[in-house]
Amino acid sequence: MNNNYLAIRLKKLRNQRGMSQEALADESGLSLRTIQRIENNSTNPTGESLKRLSNALSVNPDELIDWTIKEDKKYLVFLNLSSLTFLFFPMLGILVPFILWTSKQDKIKNINKLGRDLINFEITWTILLFFIPILFLFLSKIGILENLSLNMIFTITGLMY
């Protein structure tokens, strides 16, 4: 059992519903101190406490006690390959991996680091590929790259993309 996951999940669900610890305690019929202990991961909740908390938060008890973080290498590979959607449209290379990452953020082992790194990489290259033609155009206008035409600038950028 990974009670740390339960504590994080309980706090996240409570905050999503805009409830304070006191409101959750009143709604569930548990004491405030019990809620605090569960969220601080200093106690193991009983089955009855979990049932009351899930009813107060209007979630399925299985959603609240899903303690297993799976190791799914196929999904991680799929997440990496999803960044190739930039070939169709550059922003898709950011949006598709972001959606896939956030949908399984707390369910798959090592997805948080991979997702952050992948999104960071995609944003960096999207920004670079946006500013490189502007840089070439600026350098050709001030005379540093005199022989470089606009057609050549976009051809070079297209090859890099």
N, C-alpha and C. Protein backbone atom coordinates (compact mmCIF):
# COMPACT_ATOMS: atom_id res chain seq x y z
N MET A 1 0.83 -1.18 0.00
CA MET A 1 0.00 0.00 0.00
C MET A 1 0.87 1.24 0.00
N ASN A 2 0.55 2.13 -0.87
CA ASN A 2 1.29 3.38 -0.92
C ASN A 2 0.39 4.48 -0.37
N ASN A 3 0.47 4.71 0.93
CA ASN A 3 -0.40 5.69 1.57
C ASN A 3 -0.05 7.11 1.18
N ASN A 4 1.20 7.32 0.73
CA ASN A 4 1.57 8.65 0.27
C ASN A 4 0.71 9.05 -0.92
N TYR A 5 0.44 8.09 -1.80
CA TYR A 5 -0.43 8.36 -2.94
C TYR A 5 -1.84 8.68 -2.47
N LEU A 6 -2.32 7.95 -1.48
CA LEU A 6 -3.65 8.21 -0.94
C LEU A 6 -3.73 9.62 -0.36
N ALA A 7 -2.70 10.03 0.37
CA ALA A 7 -2.69 11.37 0.97
C ALA A 7 -2.72 12.45 -0.11
N ILE A 8 -1.90 12.27 -1.13
CA ILE A 8 -1.85 13.24 -2.23
C ILE A 8 -3.18 13.27 -2.98
N ARG A 9 -3.73 12.09 -3.25
CA ARG A 9 -4.99 11.99 -3.99
C ARG A 9 -6.14 12.63 -3.21
N LEU A 10 -6.20 12.37 -1.90
CA LEU A 10 -7.26 12.93 -1.06
C LEU A 10 -7.19 14.46 -1.06
N LYS A 11 -5.98 14.98 -0.89
CA LYS A 11 -5.82 16.44 -0.87
C LYS A 11 -6.18 17.06 -2.22
N LYS A 12 -5.77 16.39 -3.30
CA LYS A 12 -6.06 16.89 -4.64
C LYS A 12 -7.57 16.91 -4.91
N LEU A 13 -8.26 15.83 -4.55
CA LEU A 13 -9.71 15.77 -4.75
C LEU A 13 -10.43 16.81 -3.90
N ARG A 14 -9.98 16.98 -2.67
CA ARG A 14 -10.59 17.97 -1.77
C ARG A 14 -10.42 19.38 -2.34
N ASN A 15 -9.22 19.68 -2.82
CA ASN A 15 -8.96 21.02 -3.39
C ASN A 15 -9.72 21.24 -4.69
N GLN A 16 -9.88 20.20 -5.50
CA GLN A 16 -10.63 20.32 -6.75
C GLN A 16 -12.09 20.68 -6.48
N ARG A 17 -12.60 20.19 -5.40
CA ARG A 17 -13.99 20.48 -5.05
C ARG A 17 -14.14 21.74 -4.21
N GLY A 18 -13.02 22.40 -3.94
CA GLY A 18 -13.05 23.66 -3.20
C GLY A 18 -13.45 23.49 -1.74
N MET A 19 -13.10 22.36 -1.17
CA MET A 19 -13.47 22.08 0.22
C MET A 19 -12.28 22.30 1.13
N SER A 20 -12.55 22.81 2.30
CA SER A 20 -11.50 22.89 3.32
C SER A 20 -11.49 21.57 4.08
N GLN A 21 -10.47 21.39 4.91
CA GLN A 21 -10.42 20.18 5.73
C GLN A 21 -11.62 20.13 6.68
N GLU A 22 -12.01 21.29 7.19
CA GLU A 22 -13.16 21.34 8.10
C GLU A 22 -14.44 20.93 7.39
N ALA A 23 -14.62 21.42 6.16
CA ALA A 23 -15.83 21.09 5.40
C ALA A 23 -15.87 19.60 5.08
N LEU A 24 -14.70 19.04 4.73
CA LEU A 24 -14.63 17.60 4.46
C LEU A 24 -14.93 16.80 5.72
N ALA A 25 -14.43 17.26 6.85
CA ALA A 25 -14.70 16.57 8.12
C ALA A 25 -16.19 16.60 8.43
N ASP A 26 -16.83 17.74 8.24
CA ASP A 26 -18.28 17.85 8.49
C ASP A 26 -19.07 16.96 7.53
N GLU A 27 -18.69 17.00 6.27
CA GLU A 27 -19.40 16.24 5.24
C GLU A 27 -19.26 14.73 5.43
N SER A 28 -18.07 14.30 5.83
CA SER A 28 -17.81 12.86 5.97
C SER A 28 -18.17 12.31 7.34
N GLY A 29 -18.27 13.17 8.33
CA GLY A 29 -18.56 12.70 9.68
C GLY A 29 -17.32 12.25 10.43
N LEU A 30 -16.15 12.50 9.86
CA LEU A 30 -14.89 12.18 10.53
C LEU A 30 -14.40 13.42 11.27
N SER A 31 -13.48 13.21 12.18
CA SER A 31 -12.94 14.36 12.91
C SER A 31 -11.93 15.10 12.03
N LEU A 32 -11.75 16.36 12.32
CA LEU A 32 -10.78 17.18 11.59
C LEU A 32 -9.38 16.60 11.73
N ARG A 33 -9.06 16.14 12.92
CA ARG A 33 -7.73 15.58 13.18
C ARG A 33 -7.49 14.32 12.33
N THR A 34 -8.52 13.52 12.12
CA THR A 34 -8.39 12.32 11.28
C THR A 34 -8.08 12.71 9.84
N ILE A 35 -8.78 13.71 9.34
CA ILE A 35 -8.53 14.20 7.98
C ILE A 35 -7.09 14.70 7.86
N GLN A 36 -6.64 15.46 8.85
CA GLN A 36 -5.28 16.00 8.83
C GLN A 36 -4.26 14.87 8.86
N ARG A 37 -4.49 13.86 9.67
CA ARG A 37 -3.55 12.74 9.76
C ARG A 37 -3.48 11.96 8.45
N ILE A 38 -4.61 11.77 7.82
CA ILE A 38 -4.61 11.05 6.54
C ILE A 38 -3.88 11.86 5.48
N GLU A 39 -4.14 13.17 5.41
CA GLU A 39 -3.49 14.02 4.41
C GLU A 39 -2.00 14.19 4.68
N ASN A 40 -1.59 14.09 5.94
CA ASN A 40 -0.17 14.19 6.27
C ASN A 40 0.53 12.85 6.22
N ASN A 41 -0.22 11.80 5.86
CA ASN A 41 0.32 10.46 5.73
C ASN A 41 0.89 9.92 7.04
N SER A 42 0.25 10.29 8.15
CA SER A 42 0.74 9.82 9.45
C SER A 42 -0.14 8.72 10.03
N THR A 43 -1.18 8.32 9.31
CA THR A 43 -2.04 7.24 9.80
C THR A 43 -2.61 6.47 8.62
N ASN A 44 -2.98 5.23 8.88
CA ASN A 44 -3.65 4.42 7.88
C ASN A 44 -5.15 4.52 8.10
N PRO A 45 -5.91 4.98 7.11
CA PRO A 45 -7.35 5.09 7.30
C PRO A 45 -8.02 3.72 7.30
N THR A 46 -9.08 3.59 8.04
CA THR A 46 -9.84 2.34 8.06
C THR A 46 -10.74 2.28 6.83
N GLY A 47 -11.31 1.12 6.61
CA GLY A 47 -12.23 0.96 5.48
C GLY A 47 -13.44 1.87 5.60
N GLU A 48 -13.94 2.01 6.81
CA GLU A 48 -15.09 2.89 7.04
C GLU A 48 -14.73 4.35 6.76
N SER A 49 -13.53 4.75 7.17
CA SER A 49 -13.09 6.13 6.90
C SER A 49 -12.97 6.38 5.40
N LEU A 50 -12.41 5.41 4.67
CA LEU A 50 -12.29 5.56 3.22
C LEU A 50 -13.66 5.64 2.56
N LYS A 51 -14.60 4.84 3.05
CA LYS A 51 -15.96 4.87 2.50
C LYS A 51 -16.62 6.22 2.74
N ARG A 52 -16.47 6.76 3.93
CA ARG A 52 -17.05 8.07 4.25
C ARG A 52 -16.40 9.18 3.42
N LEU A 53 -15.08 9.11 3.27
CA LEU A 53 -14.38 10.13 2.48
C LEU A 53 -14.81 10.08 1.02
N SER A 54 -14.92 8.88 0.46
CA SER A 54 -15.33 8.77 -0.94
C SER A 54 -16.75 9.27 -1.14
N ASN A 55 -17.63 9.02 -0.18
CA ASN A 55 -19.00 9.54 -0.29
C ASN A 55 -19.02 11.06 -0.19
N ALA A 56 -18.22 11.62 0.71
CA ALA A 56 -18.18 13.07 0.88
C ALA A 56 -17.60 13.76 -0.35
N LEU A 57 -16.66 13.10 -1.01
CA LEU A 57 -16.02 13.69 -2.20
C LEU A 57 -16.75 13.32 -3.49
N SER A 58 -17.79 12.50 -3.38
CA SER A 58 -18.59 12.06 -4.54
C SER A 58 -17.73 11.34 -5.57
N VAL A 59 -16.88 10.45 -5.10
CA VAL A 59 -16.07 9.64 -6.00
C VAL A 59 -16.26 8.18 -5.65
N ASN A 60 -15.90 7.34 -6.57
CA ASN A 60 -15.92 5.91 -6.35
C ASN A 60 -14.78 5.57 -5.38
N PRO A 61 -15.00 4.70 -4.41
CA PRO A 61 -13.91 4.35 -3.49
C PRO A 61 -12.67 3.80 -4.20
N ASP A 62 -12.88 3.11 -5.34
CA ASP A 62 -11.73 2.61 -6.09
C ASP A 62 -10.87 3.74 -6.63
N GLU A 63 -11.50 4.85 -6.99
CA GLU A 63 -10.75 6.00 -7.48
C GLU A 63 -9.90 6.62 -6.38
N LEU A 64 -10.42 6.58 -5.18
CA LEU A 64 -9.71 7.16 -4.04
C LEU A 64 -8.56 6.27 -3.58
N ILE A 65 -8.75 4.96 -3.64
CA ILE A 65 -7.73 4.05 -3.11
C ILE A 65 -6.91 3.37 -4.19
N ASP A 66 -6.86 3.94 -5.37
CA ASP A 66 -6.03 3.40 -6.43
C ASP A 66 -4.57 3.67 -6.08
N TRP A 67 -3.98 2.77 -5.34
CA TRP A 67 -2.64 2.99 -4.80
C TRP A 67 -1.53 2.50 -5.71
N THR A 68 -1.88 1.75 -6.71
CA THR A 68 -0.84 1.18 -7.55
C THR A 68 -0.44 2.16 -8.64
N ILE A 69 0.83 2.39 -8.75
CA ILE A 69 1.37 3.17 -9.86
C ILE A 69 2.03 2.14 -10.77
N LYS A 70 1.47 1.97 -11.95
CA LYS A 70 1.89 0.91 -12.85
C LYS A 70 3.14 1.32 -13.63
N GLU A 71 3.84 0.32 -14.09
CA GLU A 71 4.99 0.56 -14.96
C GLU A 71 4.56 0.14 -16.36
N ASP A 72 4.30 1.10 -17.21
CA ASP A 72 3.78 0.85 -18.55
C ASP A 72 4.74 1.46 -19.57
N LYS A 73 5.70 0.66 -20.01
CA LYS A 73 6.71 1.16 -20.94
C LYS A 73 6.13 1.44 -22.32
N LYS A 74 5.08 0.71 -22.69
CA LYS A 74 4.46 0.95 -24.00
C LYS A 74 3.83 2.34 -24.05
N TYR A 75 3.21 2.75 -22.96
CA TYR A 75 2.61 4.08 -22.93
C TYR A 75 3.69 5.16 -22.97
N LEU A 76 4.82 4.91 -22.30
CA LEU A 76 5.92 5.88 -22.33
C LEU A 76 6.50 6.00 -23.74
N VAL A 77 6.60 4.88 -24.45
CA VAL A 77 7.07 4.92 -25.84
C VAL A 77 6.06 5.69 -26.69
N PHE A 78 4.77 5.41 -26.47
CA PHE A 78 3.71 6.12 -27.20
C PHE A 78 3.76 7.61 -26.92
N LEU A 79 4.04 7.98 -25.67
CA LEU A 79 4.16 9.39 -25.31
C LEU A 79 5.31 10.04 -26.07
N ASN A 80 6.44 9.34 -26.15
CA ASN A 80 7.57 9.87 -26.92
C ASN A 80 7.24 10.01 -28.40
N LEU A 81 6.58 9.01 -28.95
CA LEU A 81 6.24 9.06 -30.38
C LEU A 81 5.18 10.11 -30.68
N SER A 82 4.38 10.46 -29.69
CA SER A 82 3.34 11.47 -29.91
C SER A 82 3.94 12.84 -30.21
N SER A 83 5.19 13.04 -29.84
CA SER A 83 5.81 14.33 -30.14
C SER A 83 6.07 14.50 -31.64
N LEU A 84 5.99 13.41 -32.40
CA LEU A 84 6.17 13.50 -33.85
C LEU A 84 4.99 14.17 -34.55
N THR A 85 3.94 14.46 -33.81
CA THR A 85 2.80 15.16 -34.41
C THR A 85 3.18 16.58 -34.81
N PHE A 86 4.36 17.06 -34.39
CA PHE A 86 4.81 18.38 -34.83
C PHE A 86 5.02 18.41 -36.34
N LEU A 87 5.17 17.24 -36.97
CA LEU A 87 5.33 17.20 -38.41
C LEU A 87 4.10 17.71 -39.14
N PHE A 88 2.93 17.58 -38.53
CA PHE A 88 1.69 18.07 -39.12
C PHE A 88 1.46 19.54 -38.81
N PHE A 89 1.73 19.90 -37.56
CA PHE A 89 1.56 21.28 -37.11
C PHE A 89 2.42 21.43 -35.86
N PRO A 90 3.30 22.44 -35.79
CA PRO A 90 4.24 22.54 -34.68
C PRO A 90 3.61 22.53 -33.29
N MET A 91 2.46 23.15 -33.13
CA MET A 91 1.84 23.18 -31.80
C MET A 91 1.30 21.81 -31.38
N LEU A 92 1.00 20.94 -32.34
CA LEU A 92 0.54 19.60 -31.99
C LEU A 92 1.64 18.82 -31.29
N GLY A 93 2.89 19.12 -31.61
CA GLY A 93 4.02 18.47 -30.94
C GLY A 93 4.10 18.82 -29.47
N ILE A 94 3.43 19.88 -29.06
CA ILE A 94 3.36 20.26 -27.64
C ILE A 94 2.04 19.79 -27.04
N LEU A 95 0.94 20.02 -27.74
CA LEU A 95 -0.39 19.74 -27.18
C LEU A 95 -0.67 18.25 -26.99
N VAL A 96 -0.37 17.43 -27.99
CA VAL A 96 -0.69 16.00 -27.89
C VAL A 96 0.09 15.34 -26.76
N PRO A 97 1.42 15.53 -26.65
CA PRO A 97 2.12 14.94 -25.50
C PRO A 97 1.63 15.49 -24.16
N PHE A 98 1.27 16.78 -24.12
CA PHE A 98 0.77 17.36 -22.88
C PHE A 98 -0.53 16.70 -22.44
N ILE A 99 -1.44 16.49 -23.37
CA ILE A 99 -2.71 15.85 -23.05
C ILE A 99 -2.49 14.41 -22.60
N LEU A 100 -1.64 13.69 -23.31
CA LEU A 100 -1.35 12.30 -22.92
C LEU A 100 -0.68 12.23 -21.56
N TRP A 101 0.22 13.17 -21.30
CA TRP A 101 0.94 13.19 -20.02
C TRP A 101 -0.01 13.48 -18.87
N THR A 102 -0.84 14.51 -19.00
CA THR A 102 -1.72 14.88 -17.89
C THR A 102 -2.82 13.85 -17.66
N SER A 103 -3.21 13.10 -18.69
CA SER A 103 -4.26 12.10 -18.48
C SER A 103 -3.79 10.92 -17.64
N LYS A 104 -2.51 10.63 -17.65
CA LYS A 104 -1.98 9.49 -16.88
C LYS A 104 -0.93 9.94 -15.86
N GLN A 105 -0.96 11.18 -15.47
CA GLN A 105 0.09 11.78 -14.65
C GLN A 105 0.36 11.03 -13.34
N ASP A 106 -0.64 10.59 -12.64
CA ASP A 106 -0.44 9.92 -11.36
C ASP A 106 -0.62 8.42 -11.44
N LYS A 107 -0.65 7.87 -12.64
CA LYS A 107 -0.95 6.45 -12.80
C LYS A 107 0.22 5.61 -13.28
N ILE A 108 1.21 6.23 -13.94
CA ILE A 108 2.31 5.47 -14.54
C ILE A 108 3.64 5.95 -13.97
N LYS A 109 4.48 4.97 -13.64
CA LYS A 109 5.79 5.25 -13.06
C LYS A 109 6.67 5.98 -14.09
N ASN A 110 7.39 6.98 -13.64
CA ASN A 110 8.36 7.77 -14.42
C ASN A 110 7.73 8.66 -15.49
N ILE A 111 6.42 8.78 -15.53
CA ILE A 111 5.80 9.60 -16.58
C ILE A 111 5.96 11.09 -16.30
N ASN A 112 6.06 11.48 -15.04
CA ASN A 112 6.18 12.91 -14.74
C ASN A 112 7.49 13.48 -15.26
N LYS A 113 8.60 12.80 -15.02
CA LYS A 113 9.89 13.29 -15.51
C LYS A 113 9.93 13.27 -17.03
N LEU A 114 9.48 12.17 -17.62
CA LEU A 114 9.49 12.07 -19.08
C LEU A 114 8.59 13.13 -19.71
N GLY A 115 7.41 13.33 -19.15
CA GLY A 115 6.48 14.32 -19.70
C GLY A 115 7.04 15.73 -19.62
N ARG A 116 7.62 16.08 -18.47
CA ARG A 116 8.22 17.42 -18.33
C ARG A 116 9.36 17.62 -19.30
N ASP A 117 10.23 16.62 -19.41
CA ASP A 117 11.38 16.73 -20.32
C ASP A 117 10.92 16.84 -21.78
N LEU A 118 9.93 16.05 -22.14
CA LEU A 118 9.44 16.05 -23.51
C LEU A 118 8.79 17.38 -23.87
N ILE A 119 7.95 17.90 -23.00
CA ILE A 119 7.29 19.18 -23.25
C ILE A 119 8.32 20.31 -23.31
N ASN A 120 9.29 20.28 -22.40
CA ASN A 120 10.35 21.29 -22.40
C ASN A 120 11.13 21.27 -23.72
N PHE A 121 11.48 20.08 -24.18
CA PHE A 121 12.21 19.93 -25.43
C PHE A 121 11.39 20.46 -26.61
N GLU A 122 10.12 20.10 -26.66
CA GLU A 122 9.26 20.53 -27.76
C GLU A 122 9.07 22.05 -27.77
N ILE A 123 8.87 22.64 -26.61
CA ILE A 123 8.69 24.09 -26.53
C ILE A 123 9.97 24.80 -26.97
N THR A 124 11.12 24.30 -26.52
CA THR A 124 12.40 24.90 -26.89
C THR A 124 12.59 24.89 -28.40
N TRP A 125 12.38 23.75 -29.04
CA TRP A 125 12.59 23.67 -30.48
C TRP A 125 11.55 24.45 -31.27
N THR A 126 10.34 24.52 -30.78
CA THR A 126 9.32 25.31 -31.46
C THR A 126 9.70 26.79 -31.44
N ILE A 127 10.17 27.26 -30.31
CA ILE A 127 10.60 28.66 -30.21
C ILE A 127 11.82 28.92 -31.09
N LEU A 128 12.80 28.00 -31.06
CA LEU A 128 13.98 28.18 -31.91
C LEU A 128 13.62 28.21 -33.39
N LEU A 129 12.77 27.31 -33.82
CA LEU A 129 12.40 27.27 -35.23
C LEU A 129 11.55 28.47 -35.64
N PHE A 130 10.96 29.13 -34.69
CA PHE A 130 10.23 30.35 -34.99
C PHE A 130 11.18 31.54 -35.15
N PHE A 131 12.22 31.60 -34.31
CA PHE A 131 13.11 32.76 -34.32
C PHE A 131 14.27 32.64 -35.30
N ILE A 132 14.63 31.47 -35.76
CA ILE A 132 15.75 31.33 -36.69
C ILE A 132 15.49 32.06 -38.01
N PRO A 133 14.32 31.94 -38.65
CA PRO A 133 14.10 32.72 -39.88
C PRO A 133 14.13 34.22 -39.63
N ILE A 134 13.63 34.64 -38.49
CA ILE A 134 13.67 36.07 -38.16
C ILE A 134 15.12 36.53 -38.00
N LEU A 135 15.95 35.71 -37.36
CA LEU A 135 17.36 36.03 -37.20
C LEU A 135 18.06 36.11 -38.55
N PHE A 136 17.82 35.12 -39.44
CA PHE A 136 18.42 35.15 -40.77
C PHE A 136 17.99 36.38 -41.55
N LEU A 137 16.72 36.71 -41.46
CA LEU A 137 16.20 37.88 -42.16
C LEU A 137 16.86 39.16 -41.63
N PHE A 138 16.99 39.27 -40.33
CA PHE A 138 17.63 40.43 -39.71
C PHE A 138 19.09 40.52 -40.14
N LEU A 139 19.82 39.41 -40.12
CA LEU A 139 21.23 39.42 -40.51
C LEU A 139 21.41 39.76 -41.99
N SER A 140 20.49 39.32 -42.82
CA SER A 140 20.62 39.65 -44.25
C SER A 140 20.29 41.13 -44.51
N LYS A 141 19.41 41.71 -43.72
CA LYS A 141 19.06 43.12 -43.89
C LYS A 141 20.15 44.06 -43.42
N ILE A 142 20.92 43.66 -42.37
CA ILE A 142 21.97 44.56 -41.89
C ILE A 142 23.29 44.33 -42.62
N GLY A 143 23.33 43.36 -43.54
CA GLY A 143 24.50 43.21 -44.39
C GLY A 143 25.45 42.10 -43.99
N ILE A 144 25.21 41.40 -42.92
CA ILE A 144 26.12 40.32 -42.53
C ILE A 144 25.97 39.14 -43.48
N LEU A 145 24.76 38.82 -43.83
CA LEU A 145 24.51 37.75 -44.80
C LEU A 145 23.91 38.37 -46.06
N GLU A 146 24.76 39.05 -46.83
CA GLU A 146 24.29 39.82 -47.98
C GLU A 146 23.75 38.94 -49.10
N ASN A 147 24.37 37.81 -49.31
CA ASN A 147 24.00 36.96 -50.45
C ASN A 147 22.86 36.00 -50.13
N LEU A 148 22.27 36.12 -48.97
CA LEU A 148 21.22 35.21 -48.56
C LEU A 148 19.86 35.81 -48.91
N SER A 149 19.15 35.15 -49.80
CA SER A 149 17.83 35.66 -50.19
C SER A 149 16.76 35.12 -49.25
N LEU A 150 15.58 35.69 -49.33
CA LEU A 150 14.46 35.25 -48.51
C LEU A 150 14.10 33.80 -48.82
N ASN A 151 14.19 33.43 -50.08
CA ASN A 151 13.90 32.06 -50.48
C ASN A 151 14.88 31.09 -49.82
N MET A 152 16.13 31.47 -49.76
CA MET A 152 17.15 30.63 -49.15
C MET A 152 16.92 30.50 -47.64
N ILE A 153 16.49 31.59 -47.00
CA ILE A 153 16.23 31.57 -45.55
C ILE A 153 15.15 30.54 -45.23
N PHE A 154 14.05 30.57 -45.98
CA PHE A 154 12.95 29.66 -45.70
C PHE A 154 13.28 28.22 -46.11
N THR A 155 14.14 28.05 -47.11
CA THR A 155 14.57 26.72 -47.50
C THR A 155 15.42 26.10 -46.39
N ILE A 156 16.34 26.87 -45.84
CA ILE A 156 17.18 26.38 -44.74
C ILE A 156 16.33 26.05 -43.52
N THR A 157 15.39 26.93 -43.21
CA THR A 157 14.51 26.69 -42.07
C THR A 157 13.64 25.46 -42.30
N GLY A 158 13.15 25.29 -43.51
CA GLY A 158 12.34 24.12 -43.83
C GLY A 158 13.12 22.83 -43.70
N LEU A 159 14.39 22.86 -44.09
CA LEU A 159 15.23 21.68 -43.93
C LEU A 159 15.50 21.36 -42.46
N MET A 160 15.62 22.40 -41.66
CA MET A 160 15.83 22.18 -40.22
C MET A 160 14.58 21.64 -39.56
N TYR A 161 13.43 22.04 -40.08
CA TYR A 161 12.17 21.63 -39.49
C TYR A 161 11.88 20.22 -39.91
